[in-house]
């Protein structure tokens, strides 16, 4: 693991990009890695996804164990220990998801507020 205090890593964390995350399978207990995008909004890191009514497996994994690995894989490569806070509060979702919608050039944010997974990421 690499330290999130490294200036190069800090620079990467202030702009959203494609990353991988590794969660622990809620049923299997095995590592599960997937590609996803993170967003840096007002100095905080968020991960979201396209709106779908069914719960994503990665989100169920984080409900069971909020600790995961945040893998930077762009200009800087690093495996960072992280913790997820799943955001279900509608007011908080309405505050954050319009930023994600703009980044994805989505005009109608309401389906995202209703159905997109949303977590805040803490990297110690």
C-alpha atoms as a PDB file:
ATOM      1  CA  UNK A   1       0.000   0.000   0.000  1.00  0.00           C
ATOM      2  CA  UNK A   2       1.059   3.557  -0.681  1.00  0.00           C
ATOM      3  CA  UNK A   3       0.476   6.623   1.453  1.00  0.00           C
ATOM      4  CA  UNK A   4      -2.230   9.129   0.579  1.00  0.00           C
ATOM      5  CA  UNK A   5       0.088  11.878   1.824  1.00  0.00           C
ATOM      6  CA  UNK A   6       2.371  11.485  -1.217  1.00  0.00           C
ATOM      7  CA  UNK A   7       2.043  14.767  -3.202  1.00  0.00           C
ATOM      8  CA  UNK A   8       1.607  12.903  -6.510  1.00  0.00           C
ATOM      9  CA  UNK A   9      -1.232  10.842  -5.045  1.00  0.00           C
ATOM     10  CA  UNK A  10      -2.875  13.907  -3.500  1.00  0.00           C
ATOM     11  CA  UNK A  11      -2.754  15.596  -6.904  1.00  0.00           C
ATOM     12  CA  UNK A  12      -4.538  12.611  -8.487  1.00  0.00           C
ATOM     13  CA  UNK A  13      -7.212  12.543  -5.780  1.00  0.00           C
ATOM     14  CA  UNK A  14      -8.384  16.082  -6.576  1.00  0.00           C
ATOM     15  CA  UNK A  15      -9.609  15.117 -10.037  1.00  0.00           C
ATOM     16  CA  UNK A  16     -12.057  12.368 -10.866  1.00  0.00           C
ATOM     17  CA  UNK A  17     -10.893   9.479 -12.969  1.00  0.00           C
ATOM     18  CA  UNK A  18     -11.358   5.813 -13.712  1.00  0.00           C
ATOM     19  CA  UNK A  19     -10.083   3.607 -10.903  1.00  0.00           C
ATOM     20  CA  UNK A  20     -10.524   0.079  -9.673  1.00  0.00           C
ATOM     21  CA  UNK A  21     -11.866  -0.827  -6.266  1.00  0.00           C
ATOM     22  CA  UNK A  22     -11.467  -4.127  -4.486  1.00  0.00           C
ATOM     23  CA  UNK A  23     -14.211  -5.018  -2.042  1.00  0.00           C
ATOM     24  CA  UNK A  24     -14.742  -8.163   0.009  1.00  0.00           C
ATOM     25  CA  UNK A  25     -17.570 -10.326  -1.299  1.00  0.00           C
ATOM     26  CA  UNK A  26     -20.489 -10.180   1.130  1.00  0.00           C
ATOM     27  CA  UNK A  27     -21.322 -13.867   0.620  1.00  0.00           C
ATOM     28  CA  UNK A  28     -18.007 -15.361  -0.512  1.00  0.00           C
ATOM     29  CA  UNK A  29     -15.566 -13.324   1.565  1.00  0.00           C
ATOM     30  CA  UNK A  30     -13.302 -13.251  -1.513  1.00  0.00           C
ATOM     31  CA  UNK A  31     -11.771 -10.106  -3.034  1.00  0.00           C
ATOM     32  CA  UNK A  32     -13.885  -8.568  -5.811  1.00  0.00           C
ATOM     33  CA  UNK A  33     -12.265  -6.002  -8.102  1.00  0.00           C
ATOM     34  CA  UNK A  34     -14.108  -3.746 -10.528  1.00  0.00           C
ATOM     35  CA  UNK A  35     -13.510  -0.662 -12.612  1.00  0.00           C
ATOM     36  CA  UNK A  36     -15.457   2.454 -11.643  1.00  0.00           C
ATOM     37  CA  UNK A  37     -15.142   6.259 -11.663  1.00  0.00           C
ATOM     38  CA  UNK A  38     -14.542   8.511  -8.689  1.00  0.00           C
ATOM     39  CA  UNK A  39     -15.416  12.185  -8.418  1.00  0.00           C
ATOM     40  CA  UNK A  40     -13.735  14.867  -6.326  1.00  0.00           C
ATOM     41  CA  UNK A  41     -16.428  17.287  -5.163  1.00  0.00           C
ATOM     42  CA  UNK A  42     -15.723  20.108  -2.718  1.00  0.00           C
ATOM     43  CA  UNK A  43     -12.607  18.371  -1.405  1.00  0.00           C
ATOM     44  CA  UNK A  44     -14.332  15.003  -0.866  1.00  0.00           C
ATOM     45  CA  UNK A  45     -14.169  11.780  -2.858  1.00  0.00           C
ATOM     46  CA  UNK A  46     -17.324  10.078  -4.112  1.00  0.00           C
ATOM     47  CA  UNK A  47     -18.067   6.991  -6.157  1.00  0.00           C
ATOM     48  CA  UNK A  48     -21.347   6.649  -7.987  1.00  0.00           C
ATOM     49  CA  UNK A  49     -22.782   4.674 -10.861  1.00  0.00           C
ATOM     50  CA  UNK A  50     -25.444   4.759 -13.530  1.00  0.00           C
ATOM     51  CA  UNK A  51     -29.022   4.678 -12.223  1.00  0.00           C
ATOM     52  CA  UNK A  52     -30.551   1.196 -12.037  1.00  0.00           C
ATOM     53  CA  UNK A  53     -33.181   0.015  -9.573  1.00  0.00           C
ATOM     54  CA  UNK A  54     -31.311  -3.149  -8.569  1.00  0.00           C
ATOM     55  CA  UNK A  55     -28.576  -2.946  -5.946  1.00  0.00           C
ATOM     56  CA  UNK A  56     -25.035  -3.423  -7.238  1.00  0.00           C
ATOM     57  CA  UNK A  57     -22.975  -6.260  -5.811  1.00  0.00           C
ATOM     58  CA  UNK A  58     -20.123  -3.877  -4.986  1.00  0.00           C
ATOM     59  CA  UNK A  59     -22.508  -1.779  -2.902  1.00  0.00           C
ATOM     60  CA  UNK A  60     -23.799  -4.859  -1.050  1.00  0.00           C
ATOM     61  CA  UNK A  61     -20.164  -5.805  -0.402  1.00  0.00           C
ATOM     62  CA  UNK A  62     -19.484  -2.372   1.093  1.00  0.00           C
ATOM     63  CA  UNK A  63     -22.612  -2.586   3.248  1.00  0.00           C
ATOM     64  CA  UNK A  64     -21.237  -5.822   4.720  1.00  0.00           C
ATOM     65  CA  UNK A  65     -17.666  -4.484   5.045  1.00  0.00           C
ATOM     66  CA  UNK A  66     -17.015  -0.786   4.317  1.00  0.00           C
ATOM     67  CA  UNK A  67     -13.238  -1.294   4.082  1.00  0.00           C
ATOM     68  CA  UNK A  68     -11.870  -1.646   0.567  1.00  0.00           C
ATOM     69  CA  UNK A  69      -8.870  -0.873  -1.639  1.00  0.00           C
ATOM     70  CA  UNK A  70      -8.923   2.204  -3.878  1.00  0.00           C
ATOM     71  CA  UNK A  71      -6.634   1.559  -6.873  1.00  0.00           C
ATOM     72  CA  UNK A  72      -5.318   4.565  -8.777  1.00  0.00           C
ATOM     73  CA  UNK A  73      -4.325   3.372 -12.235  1.00  0.00           C
ATOM     74  CA  UNK A  74      -3.762   6.498 -14.322  1.00  0.00           C
ATOM     75  CA  UNK A  75      -0.563   8.559 -14.405  1.00  0.00           C
ATOM     76  CA  UNK A  76       0.031   7.563 -10.796  1.00  0.00           C
ATOM     77  CA  UNK A  77      -0.498   4.001  -9.701  1.00  0.00           C
ATOM     78  CA  UNK A  78      -1.271   3.308  -6.062  1.00  0.00           C
ATOM     79  CA  UNK A  79      -3.284   0.902  -3.915  1.00  0.00           C
ATOM     80  CA  UNK A  80      -4.835   2.871  -1.067  1.00  0.00           C
ATOM     81  CA  UNK A  81      -6.747   1.503   1.913  1.00  0.00           C
ATOM     82  CA  UNK A  82     -10.156   3.173   2.012  1.00  0.00           C
ATOM     83  CA  UNK A  83     -13.477   3.164   3.814  1.00  0.00           C
ATOM     84  CA  UNK A  84     -16.928   3.724   2.311  1.00  0.00           C
ATOM     85  CA  UNK A  85     -19.862   5.597   3.736  1.00  0.00           C
ATOM     86  CA  UNK A  86     -22.980   4.706   1.781  1.00  0.00           C
ATOM     87  CA  UNK A  87     -25.130   7.773   1.188  1.00  0.00           C
ATOM     88  CA  UNK A  88     -28.864   7.127   1.343  1.00  0.00           C
ATOM     89  CA  UNK A  89     -30.049  10.447   2.779  1.00  0.00           C
ATOM     90  CA  UNK A  90     -32.103  12.132   0.028  1.00  0.00           C
ATOM     91  CA  UNK A  91     -31.001  15.665   0.907  1.00  0.00           C
ATOM     92  CA  UNK A  92     -27.336  14.689   0.753  1.00  0.00           C
ATOM     93  CA  UNK A  93     -27.883  12.799  -2.525  1.00  0.00           C
ATOM     94  CA  UNK A  94     -29.572  15.917  -3.986  1.00  0.00           C
ATOM     95  CA  UNK A  95     -26.543  17.969  -2.978  1.00  0.00           C
ATOM     96  CA  UNK A  96     -23.898  15.645  -4.478  1.00  0.00           C
ATOM     97  CA  UNK A  97     -25.403  13.913  -7.505  1.00  0.00           C
ATOM     98  CA  UNK A  98     -25.945  17.049  -9.636  1.00  0.00           C
ATOM     99  CA  UNK A  99     -22.129  17.401  -9.691  1.00  0.00           C
ATOM    100  CA  UNK A 100     -21.799  13.814 -10.923  1.00  0.00           C
ATOM    101  CA  UNK A 101     -24.568  14.378 -13.497  1.00  0.00           C
ATOM    102  CA  UNK A 102     -22.717  17.422 -14.885  1.00  0.00           C
ATOM    103  CA  UNK A 103     -19.483  15.435 -15.165  1.00  0.00           C
ATOM    104  CA  UNK A 104     -21.365  12.741 -17.113  1.00  0.00           C
ATOM    105  CA  UNK A 105     -23.343  15.326 -19.124  1.00  0.00           C
ATOM    106  CA  UNK A 106     -26.650  13.978 -17.812  1.00  0.00           C
ATOM    107  CA  UNK A 107     -29.510  16.472 -17.957  1.00  0.00           C
ATOM    108  CA  UNK A 108     -32.098  14.758 -15.742  1.00  0.00           C
ATOM    109  CA  UNK A 109     -30.629  14.135 -12.282  1.00  0.00           C
ATOM    110  CA  UNK A 110     -33.843  12.694 -10.775  1.00  0.00           C
ATOM    111  CA  UNK A 111     -33.192   9.072 -11.904  1.00  0.00           C
ATOM    112  CA  UNK A 112     -29.714   9.333 -10.419  1.00  0.00           C
ATOM    113  CA  UNK A 113     -31.068  10.598  -7.105  1.00  0.00           C
ATOM    114  CA  UNK A 114     -33.553   7.712  -7.056  1.00  0.00           C
ATOM    115  CA  UNK A 115     -31.362   4.843  -8.296  1.00  0.00           C
ATOM    116  CA  UNK A 116     -27.628   5.584  -8.509  1.00  0.00           C
ATOM    117  CA  UNK A 117     -25.329   4.045  -5.920  1.00  0.00           C
ATOM    118  CA  UNK A 118     -23.415   6.706  -4.012  1.00  0.00           C
ATOM    119  CA  UNK A 119     -20.625   6.420  -1.490  1.00  0.00           C
ATOM    120  CA  UNK A 120     -18.230   8.858   0.120  1.00  0.00           C
ATOM    121  CA  UNK A 121     -14.689   7.525   0.277  1.00  0.00           C
ATOM    122  CA  UNK A 122     -12.319   8.175   3.154  1.00  0.00           C
ATOM    123  CA  UNK A 123      -8.647   7.468   2.582  1.00  0.00           C
ATOM    124  CA  UNK A 124      -6.704   7.660   5.849  1.00  0.00           C
END
